[in-house]
Amino acid sequence: MKIAILGFGVEGHSAYEYWSLTDNQITICDFNEKTVVPQLAIPKLGPTYLSGLDIFDVIVRSPGLQPDEIVAANNPEILDKVTSSTNEFFKVCPTRNIIGITGTKGKGTTATLITKLLEASGHTVHLGGNIGKSCLDLLKNKIQPEDWVVLELSSFQLVDLKTSPHIAVCLLIVAEHLNWHNDIEDYISAKANIFAHQTTSDIAIYYADNSTSTDMANVSSGKKIPYYAVPGAIVVNDHFEIDGQIICHISDVKLIGKHNWQNICAAVTACWQIDQNIKTIQETVINFKGLEHRLELVRDQDGIKYYNDSFASVPDATIAAIDALPGPKVLIIGGFDRKLDLTNLSNSIKEHQSEIEKVILIGVSAQRVSEEFQKVGFSNYQVSLAGSMSEIVGLAKAIAKPSETIILSPGFPSFDMFTNFEDRGNQFKEAVNAL
């Protein structure tokens, strides 16, 4: 077959490795003219890389590429030939025991906790998707029919998904990636594909306190189970509980913040459909520390605590960090501006102003954030023109007092100043540890 792989990033490399195992003629299509392609592949590089795709039998879309871009360069019928690594994985995966997790924030934490819960119960589990390992790379693990696969699924992966997972989990949904999606409805529609192709034998788990998550689950033909509401896992009397059984007290868990209560309840509800070993659940939930770059304590120096929350790339994530870490604090906010609504963020900052020593605004979003702060009457901020993370951390340290907390929780993507959120978080940790 003649196969075109559109985009040659992490997913593109994985797709090439997979499709080159058989006798296919593979063309690598990428906007970057300097892209280095494998010796046996045909390069199609530069601004016209999406044109003339009709000649191919199969077209493999990388997640970052909008299907509308492919149509615009060709014709609507071209989508009949378009697939993705995620779609191919669902097609060939040796097990139907697939759990998919989506939502605006919390996907990685929930997916990882589900994995640990299932492993603690004695299952062999394969974790991948948006969390870092391409779906197709999981096939190298020799997945068995009785194994479980846990996939973190972004809207980029879900937008053209043709098969829904056996257990689909939807967390809190708020606006995000509106620079990629046409509008919020398009974003929600993409996310809803996690439920759209389920059958009556499948399970749809959703966040009961979020109307969007609830509405999305209603498109499923499967059994619908809410969390944060019975019969799913709930928080009652300061305890996590499911099916009338107490898991633990909220103070026992190491995950910081009420937003992580939602993630815990989602993970427990999903795993409860498979195993109901309350003791194993208790031990795993209590010992789970979370993921890097998510409200990660970096250091406590001279009475000042430094937290890395670089993964927070939307305003709602920053709001969650403010709520999660009470007491006097210095906030570092800002980054690449995707023009999301900042009303809730500015109002939250205003409401918490008694505990905010200072907000340091960084990145290209700084001016717009400052204007939003002015609208609500919050003035305790300063715009930093610092060109490095070490300068930003130094400024924050000069402002903070002993017993206060410095939090990097940007609320914006990283790529105005940094390669990605990992790079931003790692530079923050390096600067903090160098103090």
Protein backbone atom coordinates (compact mmCIF):
# COMPACT_ATOMS: atom_id res chain seq x y z
CA MET A 1 0.00 0.00 0.00
CA LYS A 2 0.97 3.59 -0.51
CA ILE A 3 0.84 5.27 2.90
CA ALA A 4 1.31 8.93 3.79
CA ILE A 5 2.25 9.88 7.34
CA LEU A 6 1.30 13.49 8.04
CA GLY A 7 3.61 15.04 10.61
CA PHE A 8 6.84 13.43 11.80
CA GLY A 9 6.92 14.10 15.52
CA VAL A 10 6.69 11.45 18.25
CA GLU A 11 3.46 9.96 16.85
CA GLY A 12 4.76 10.15 13.29
CA HIS A 13 7.90 8.21 14.17
CA SER A 14 5.81 5.58 15.95
CA ALA A 15 3.46 5.33 12.95
CA TYR A 16 6.38 4.89 10.55
CA GLU A 17 7.90 2.14 12.68
CA TYR A 18 4.54 0.33 12.78
CA TRP A 19 3.54 0.59 9.10
CA SER A 20 7.06 -0.11 7.83
CA LEU A 21 6.94 -3.60 9.35
CA THR A 22 5.02 -4.76 6.28
CA ASP A 23 5.56 -4.19 2.57
CA ASN A 24 4.29 -0.62 2.31
CA GLN A 25 5.57 2.38 0.38
CA ILE A 26 5.68 5.16 2.96
CA THR A 27 5.85 8.89 2.33
CA ILE A 28 6.65 11.28 5.18
CA CYS A 29 4.76 14.56 4.82
CA ASP A 30 5.82 17.42 7.08
CA PHE A 31 5.74 21.23 6.93
CA ASN A 32 9.34 21.46 8.16
CA GLU A 33 11.62 21.29 5.12
CA LYS A 34 14.54 20.24 7.33
CA THR A 35 12.79 17.15 8.66
CA VAL A 36 15.07 14.13 8.50
CA VAL A 37 13.15 11.11 7.22
CA PRO A 38 14.15 7.41 7.31
CA GLN A 39 16.26 6.22 4.39
CA LEU A 40 13.54 3.99 2.96
CA ALA A 41 10.80 6.64 3.20
CA ILE A 42 9.87 9.17 0.53
CA PRO A 43 10.03 12.79 1.75
CA LYS A 44 7.30 15.31 0.95
CA LEU A 45 8.33 18.40 2.87
CA GLY A 46 7.49 22.08 2.91
CA PRO A 47 4.37 24.30 2.81
CA THR A 48 2.60 22.09 0.24
CA TYR A 49 3.04 18.88 2.24
CA LEU A 50 -0.75 18.36 2.49
CA SER A 51 -1.54 18.72 -1.20
CA GLY A 52 -2.19 15.85 -3.63
CA LEU A 53 -2.97 13.22 -1.01
CA ASP A 54 -5.44 11.44 -3.30
CA ILE A 55 -2.67 9.21 -4.62
CA PHE A 56 -2.34 7.39 -1.29
CA ASP A 57 -4.28 4.36 -0.08
CA VAL A 58 -3.98 5.27 3.62
CA ILE A 59 -3.27 8.64 5.21
CA VAL A 60 -2.11 8.66 8.82
CA ARG A 61 -2.91 11.91 10.66
CA SER A 62 -0.69 12.95 13.56
CA PRO A 63 -2.68 14.33 16.53
CA GLY A 64 -1.55 17.94 16.14
CA LEU A 65 -2.95 18.19 12.60
CA GLN A 66 -6.55 19.38 12.26
CA PRO A 67 -8.62 17.25 9.85
CA ASP A 68 -10.01 20.50 8.39
CA GLU A 69 -6.50 21.37 7.18
CA ILE A 70 -6.33 18.10 5.26
CA VAL A 71 -9.73 18.79 3.65
CA ALA A 72 -8.78 22.37 2.77
CA ALA A 73 -5.70 21.16 0.87
CA ASN A 74 -7.60 18.37 -0.90
CA ASN A 75 -11.34 17.66 -0.77
CA PRO A 76 -13.93 16.42 1.80
CA GLU A 77 -13.76 12.87 0.43
CA ILE A 78 -10.08 12.65 1.42
CA LEU A 79 -11.14 11.95 5.02
CA ASP A 80 -12.33 8.50 3.94
CA LYS A 81 -8.65 7.57 3.64
CA VAL A 82 -7.51 9.26 6.87
CA THR A 83 -6.76 7.25 9.99
CA SER A 84 -4.60 7.78 13.08
CA SER A 85 -2.36 5.77 15.36
CA THR A 86 -5.16 5.75 17.93
CA ASN A 87 -7.70 4.36 15.45
CA GLU A 88 -5.25 1.71 14.27
CA PHE A 89 -4.52 0.67 17.84
CA PHE A 90 -8.21 0.14 18.60
CA LYS A 91 -8.45 -1.89 15.38
CA VAL A 92 -5.58 -4.30 16.12
CA CYS A 93 -5.25 -4.32 19.91
CA PRO A 94 -5.26 -7.93 21.21
CA THR A 95 -7.51 -7.04 24.15
CA ARG A 96 -10.88 -5.32 24.32
CA ASN A 97 -10.11 -4.38 27.94
CA ILE A 98 -9.40 -0.74 27.13
CA ILE A 99 -10.06 2.15 29.51
CA GLY A 100 -9.98 5.62 27.94
CA ILE A 101 -9.79 8.83 29.97
CA THR A 102 -10.49 12.31 28.70
CA GLY A 103 -11.28 15.70 30.20
CA THR A 104 -9.71 19.13 30.20
CA LYS A 105 -7.40 18.54 33.17
CA GLY A 106 -6.59 15.55 35.35
CA LYS A 107 -6.36 12.97 32.56
CA GLY A 108 -2.77 11.96 33.27
CA THR A 109 -3.25 11.78 37.03
CA THR A 110 -6.44 9.72 36.68
CA ALA A 111 -4.97 7.39 34.04
CA THR A 112 -1.88 6.77 36.16
CA LEU A 113 -3.92 6.10 39.32
CA ILE A 114 -6.18 3.68 37.42
CA THR A 115 -3.07 1.87 36.22
CA LYS A 116 -1.67 1.58 39.74
CA LEU A 117 -5.02 0.42 41.14
CA LEU A 118 -5.31 -2.34 38.54
CA GLU A 119 -1.67 -3.38 38.98
CA ALA A 120 -2.19 -3.60 42.73
CA SER A 121 -5.07 -5.98 42.05
CA GLY A 122 -2.78 -8.26 40.06
CA HIS A 123 -3.58 -7.19 36.49
CA THR A 124 -1.05 -6.61 33.73
CA VAL A 125 -1.64 -3.02 32.57
CA HIS A 126 -0.31 -1.00 29.63
CA LEU A 127 -0.45 2.81 30.01
CA GLY A 128 -0.14 5.12 27.02
CA GLY A 129 -1.78 7.64 24.72
CA ASN A 130 -1.43 11.35 25.37
CA ILE A 131 0.50 10.68 28.59
CA GLY A 132 3.67 10.07 26.61
CA LYS A 133 3.79 6.64 24.93
CA SER A 134 2.15 6.31 21.53
CA CYS A 135 -0.66 3.76 21.41
CA LEU A 136 1.09 1.79 18.68
CA ASP A 137 4.25 1.53 20.78
CA LEU A 138 2.23 -0.36 23.40
CA LEU A 139 1.92 -3.25 20.94
CA LYS A 140 5.62 -3.97 21.50
CA ASN A 141 4.65 -5.10 25.02
CA LYS A 142 3.00 -8.25 23.62
CA ILE A 143 -0.41 -7.33 25.02
CA GLN A 144 -2.44 -10.40 25.99
CA PRO A 145 -6.26 -10.78 25.72
CA GLU A 146 -6.66 -10.68 29.51
CA ASP A 147 -4.48 -7.57 29.95
CA TRP A 148 -5.83 -4.06 30.49
CA VAL A 149 -4.87 -0.99 28.47
CA VAL A 150 -5.26 2.50 29.95
CA LEU A 151 -5.20 5.41 27.48
CA GLU A 152 -5.13 9.12 28.17
CA LEU A 153 -6.98 10.61 25.20
CA SER A 154 -6.85 14.27 24.15
CA SER A 155 -9.35 16.00 21.88
CA PHE A 156 -6.67 15.84 19.14
CA GLN A 157 -6.76 12.05 19.32
CA LEU A 158 -10.53 11.82 19.77
CA VAL A 159 -11.61 14.16 16.98
CA ASP A 160 -11.82 11.36 14.40
CA LEU A 161 -11.96 8.31 16.68
CA LYS A 162 -14.01 5.48 15.14
CA THR A 163 -14.06 3.08 18.13
CA SER A 164 -14.78 3.94 21.77
CA PRO A 165 -13.08 2.20 24.70
CA HIS A 166 -14.90 -0.46 26.72
CA ILE A 167 -14.72 1.78 29.80
CA ALA A 168 -14.76 5.50 28.93
CA VAL A 169 -14.13 8.11 31.62
CA CYS A 170 -14.85 11.83 31.19
CA LEU A 171 -13.54 14.28 33.77
CA LEU A 172 -14.28 17.98 34.15
CA ILE A 173 -14.71 19.74 30.79
CA VAL A 174 -13.97 23.46 30.36
CA ALA A 175 -12.84 25.45 27.31
CA GLU A 176 -9.37 24.59 25.97
CA HIS A 177 -7.49 24.34 22.67
CA LEU A 178 -9.78 26.88 21.01
CA ASN A 179 -6.85 27.88 18.80
CA TRP A 180 -7.09 24.36 17.30
CA HIS A 181 -10.81 23.68 17.46
CA ASN A 182 -13.26 25.90 15.61
CA ASP A 183 -15.17 26.70 18.82
CA ILE A 184 -16.16 25.19 22.18
CA GLU A 185 -18.84 23.07 20.51
CA ASP A 186 -16.22 21.55 18.20
CA TYR A 187 -14.01 20.81 21.22
CA ILE A 188 -16.87 19.11 23.09
CA SER A 189 -17.91 17.18 19.99
CA ALA A 190 -14.38 15.79 19.65
CA LYS A 191 -14.28 14.77 23.31
CA ALA A 192 -17.69 13.08 23.02
CA ASN A 193 -16.24 10.48 20.63
CA ILE A 194 -14.92 8.68 23.68
CA PHE A 195 -18.56 7.65 24.28
CA ALA A 196 -20.13 7.92 20.82
CA HIS A 197 -19.22 4.44 19.55
CA GLN A 198 -19.88 2.46 22.73
CA THR A 199 -22.27 -0.50 22.71
CA THR A 200 -24.69 -1.71 25.36
CA SER A 201 -21.95 -3.89 26.84
CA ASP A 202 -19.68 -0.87 27.50
CA ILE A 203 -19.45 1.54 30.45
CA ALA A 204 -19.58 5.35 30.46
CA ILE A 205 -18.23 7.06 33.59
CA TYR A 206 -18.67 10.80 33.95
CA TYR A 207 -18.26 13.69 36.41
CA ALA A 208 -21.72 14.25 37.90
CA ASP A 209 -21.07 17.90 38.87
CA ASN A 210 -20.14 18.96 35.34
CA SER A 211 -23.08 19.35 32.95
CA THR A 212 -20.85 19.04 29.87
CA SER A 213 -19.37 15.76 31.06
CA THR A 214 -22.88 14.52 31.86
CA ASP A 215 -24.27 15.55 28.48
CA MET A 216 -21.37 13.88 26.68
CA ALA A 217 -21.94 10.59 28.50
CA ASN A 218 -25.56 10.61 27.40
CA VAL A 219 -24.50 9.88 23.82
CA SER A 220 -23.22 6.48 24.97
CA SER A 221 -25.26 3.32 24.48
CA GLY A 222 -23.45 1.76 27.45
CA LYS A 223 -24.11 1.65 31.16
CA LYS A 224 -23.80 5.16 32.60
CA ILE A 225 -22.16 5.60 35.99
CA PRO A 226 -21.50 9.03 37.55
CA TYR A 227 -18.71 9.73 40.02
CA TYR A 228 -19.02 12.35 42.74
CA ALA A 229 -22.51 10.86 42.95
CA VAL A 230 -23.86 7.43 43.87
CA PRO A 231 -23.31 4.72 42.64
CA GLY A 232 -19.81 5.98 41.83
CA ALA A 233 -17.14 7.05 44.30
CA ILE A 234 -18.05 10.07 46.41
CA VAL A 235 -16.64 12.33 49.11
CA VAL A 236 -18.89 12.32 52.19
CA ASN A 237 -18.11 13.42 55.74
CA ASP A 238 -14.51 14.10 54.66
CA HIS A 239 -14.07 10.50 53.49
CA PHE A 240 -13.77 8.86 50.09
CA GLU A 241 -16.44 6.21 49.79
CA ILE A 242 -17.87 3.81 47.22
CA ASP A 243 -20.78 1.41 47.47
CA GLY A 244 -21.16 2.27 51.14
CA GLN A 245 -17.55 1.32 51.92
CA ILE A 246 -15.08 3.86 53.29
CA ILE A 247 -11.80 4.13 51.40
CA CYS A 248 -9.94 6.69 53.51
CA HIS A 249 -10.10 10.18 55.02
CA ILE A 250 -9.31 13.08 52.68
CA SER A 251 -6.34 13.98 54.89
CA ASP A 252 -4.78 10.55 54.23
CA VAL A 253 -4.13 11.15 50.52
CA LYS A 254 -0.91 12.69 49.24
CA LEU A 255 -2.49 14.36 46.18
CA ILE A 256 -2.95 18.08 46.85
CA GLY A 257 -6.19 19.95 46.18
CA LYS A 258 -9.91 19.35 45.93
CA HIS A 259 -9.66 18.98 42.16
CA ASN A 260 -7.67 15.80 42.81
CA TRP A 261 -10.58 14.45 44.87
CA GLN A 262 -12.43 14.33 41.55
CA ASN A 263 -9.56 12.42 39.92
CA ILE A 264 -9.44 9.91 42.78
CA CYS A 265 -13.21 9.34 42.59
CA ALA A 266 -13.04 8.89 38.81
CA ALA A 267 -10.20 6.35 39.06
CA VAL A 268 -11.84 4.38 41.88
CA THR A 269 -15.19 4.30 40.05
CA ALA A 270 -13.54 2.93 36.90
CA CYS A 271 -11.59 0.23 38.74
CA TRP A 272 -14.62 -0.74 40.86
CA GLN A 273 -16.20 -2.03 37.66
CA ILE A 274 -13.34 -4.54 37.41
CA ASP A 275 -12.29 -5.40 40.98
CA GLN A 276 -13.86 -4.53 44.32
CA ASN A 277 -10.94 -5.10 46.68
CA ILE A 278 -11.42 -2.20 49.08
CA LYS A 279 -8.16 -2.86 50.98
CA THR A 280 -6.08 -2.69 47.79
CA ILE A 281 -7.87 0.50 46.77
CA GLN A 282 -7.24 2.06 50.18
CA GLU A 283 -3.50 1.36 50.11
CA THR A 284 -3.03 2.53 46.54
CA VAL A 285 -5.01 5.76 46.89
CA ILE A 286 -3.22 6.70 50.10
CA ASN A 287 0.26 6.06 48.69
CA PHE A 288 -0.22 7.68 45.26
CA LYS A 289 1.88 10.87 45.08
CA GLY A 290 0.78 12.18 41.69
CA LEU A 291 2.76 13.19 38.61
CA GLU A 292 5.66 15.49 37.92
CA HIS A 293 4.79 19.14 37.14
CA ARG A 294 1.38 18.85 38.88
CA LEU A 295 1.52 20.78 42.18
CA GLU A 296 4.93 19.23 42.78
CA LEU A 297 6.78 20.38 45.90
CA VAL A 298 10.28 21.21 44.71
CA ARG A 299 11.93 22.59 47.80
CA ASP A 300 11.43 24.18 51.21
CA GLN A 301 14.19 26.72 51.67
CA ASP A 302 14.41 29.34 54.41
CA GLY A 303 10.76 28.72 55.25
CA ILE A 304 9.58 29.32 51.67
CA LYS A 305 7.99 26.41 49.79
CA TYR A 306 8.34 26.22 46.01
CA TYR A 307 5.69 24.36 43.98
CA ASN A 308 5.99 23.40 40.31
CA ASP A 309 2.57 23.32 38.63
CA SER A 310 3.86 23.88 35.10
CA PHE A 311 1.28 21.47 33.66
CA ALA A 312 -1.39 24.09 34.43
CA SER A 313 -1.93 25.48 30.93
CA VAL A 314 -5.51 26.78 31.28
CA PRO A 315 -6.90 29.35 33.75
CA ASP A 316 -9.06 26.77 35.56
CA ALA A 317 -5.94 24.80 36.48
CA THR A 318 -4.41 27.88 38.09
CA ILE A 319 -7.63 28.48 40.02
CA ALA A 320 -7.39 24.90 41.30
CA ALA A 321 -3.81 25.51 42.45
CA ILE A 322 -4.81 28.66 44.32
CA ASP A 323 -7.52 26.70 46.13
CA ALA A 324 -5.25 23.74 46.78
CA LEU A 325 -2.48 25.68 48.51
CA PRO A 326 -3.97 27.98 51.16
CA GLY A 327 -2.03 30.66 52.97
CA PRO A 328 0.20 33.53 51.80
CA LYS A 329 1.62 32.96 48.35
CA VAL A 330 3.46 34.45 45.39
CA LEU A 331 2.03 33.31 42.06
CA ILE A 332 3.84 33.09 38.73
CA ILE A 333 1.27 33.27 35.92
CA GLY A 334 1.47 33.66 32.15
CA GLY A 335 2.65 32.23 28.86
CA PHE A 336 1.43 31.91 25.29
CA ASP A 337 -2.01 33.51 24.96
CA ARG A 338 -4.70 31.37 23.32
CA LYS A 339 -7.28 34.10 24.10
CA LEU A 340 -9.30 32.00 26.56
CA ASP A 341 -11.76 33.80 28.83
CA LEU A 342 -9.93 35.11 31.91
CA THR A 343 -13.01 36.20 33.88
CA ASN A 344 -12.98 33.28 36.32
CA LEU A 345 -9.24 33.58 36.87
CA SER A 346 -9.30 37.32 37.61
CA ASN A 347 -12.31 36.92 39.90
CA SER A 348 -10.59 34.10 41.78
CA ILE A 349 -7.45 36.18 42.21
CA LYS A 350 -9.57 39.04 43.54
CA GLU A 351 -11.40 36.74 45.97
CA HIS A 352 -8.10 35.39 47.31
CA GLN A 353 -6.24 38.72 47.36
CA SER A 354 -5.86 38.65 51.16
CA GLU A 355 -3.55 35.63 50.83
CA ILE A 356 -1.74 36.70 47.65
CA GLU A 357 1.51 38.49 48.39
CA LYS A 358 2.08 39.20 44.68
CA VAL A 359 1.26 37.88 41.22
CA ILE A 360 4.21 37.92 38.82
CA LEU A 361 3.01 38.03 35.21
CA ILE A 362 5.26 36.54 32.55
CA GLY A 363 5.10 35.79 28.83
CA VAL A 364 3.12 37.31 25.99
CA SER A 365 -0.13 36.98 27.96
CA ALA A 366 1.06 39.37 30.68
CA GLN A 367 -0.53 42.51 29.25
CA ARG A 368 -3.97 40.98 28.76
CA VAL A 369 -3.94 39.40 32.22
CA SER A 370 -3.00 42.74 33.78
CA GLU A 371 -5.92 44.39 31.98
CA GLU A 372 -8.30 41.74 33.35
CA PHE A 373 -6.92 42.28 36.86
CA GLN A 374 -7.54 46.01 36.54
CA LYS A 375 -11.17 45.36 35.59
CA VAL A 376 -11.83 43.56 38.88
CA GLY A 377 -9.80 45.98 40.97
CA PHE A 378 -6.80 43.75 41.73
CA SER A 379 -3.56 45.69 41.65
CA ASN A 380 -1.10 43.54 43.59
CA TYR A 381 0.81 42.27 40.56
CA GLN A 382 3.80 43.17 38.46
CA VAL A 383 4.69 42.42 34.87
CA SER A 384 8.09 40.77 34.60
CA LEU A 385 10.26 41.29 31.57
CA ALA A 386 12.66 38.60 32.74
CA GLY A 387 14.03 36.54 29.91
CA SER A 388 14.91 33.43 31.90
CA MET A 389 13.34 31.23 34.54
CA SER A 390 16.22 31.89 36.94
CA GLU A 391 15.41 35.61 36.81
CA ILE A 392 11.72 34.89 37.40
CA VAL A 393 12.46 32.65 40.39
CA GLY A 394 14.90 35.23 41.77
CA LEU A 395 12.20 37.90 41.57
CA ALA A 396 9.69 35.67 43.33
CA LYS A 397 12.17 34.84 46.10
CA ALA A 398 12.90 38.54 46.67
CA ILE A 399 9.17 39.15 47.21
CA ALA A 400 8.23 36.10 49.31
CA LYS A 401 8.59 36.00 53.09
CA PRO A 402 9.30 32.99 55.32
CA SER A 403 6.20 30.76 55.74
CA GLU A 404 4.93 31.85 52.31
CA THR A 405 4.64 29.72 49.17
CA ILE A 406 5.89 30.40 45.64
CA ILE A 407 3.79 28.66 42.98
CA LEU A 408 4.52 28.37 39.28
CA SER A 409 1.00 27.77 37.95
CA PRO A 410 1.02 29.58 34.62
CA GLY A 411 -2.55 29.01 33.37
CA PHE A 412 -1.21 29.33 29.81
CA PRO A 413 0.78 27.14 27.39
CA SER A 414 4.55 27.35 27.53
CA PHE A 415 5.72 27.80 23.99
CA ASP A 416 6.28 31.54 23.98
CA MET A 417 9.34 31.12 26.23
CA PHE A 418 9.81 27.35 26.62
CA THR A 419 9.72 24.22 24.48
CA ASN A 420 6.82 22.64 26.41
CA PHE A 421 5.43 22.39 29.93
CA GLU A 422 8.12 19.86 30.90
CA ASP A 423 10.86 22.24 29.82
CA ARG A 424 9.18 25.09 31.73
CA GLY A 425 8.79 22.96 34.86
CA ASN A 426 12.30 21.55 34.67
CA GLN A 427 13.80 25.02 34.29
CA PHE A 428 11.77 26.15 37.31
CA LYS A 429 13.07 23.23 39.38
CA GLU A 430 16.64 23.84 38.25
CA ALA A 431 16.39 27.52 39.18
CA VAL A 432 14.85 26.72 42.57
CA ASN A 433 17.44 24.07 43.41
CA ALA A 434 20.21 26.46 42.40
CA LEU A 435 19.16 29.05 45.00
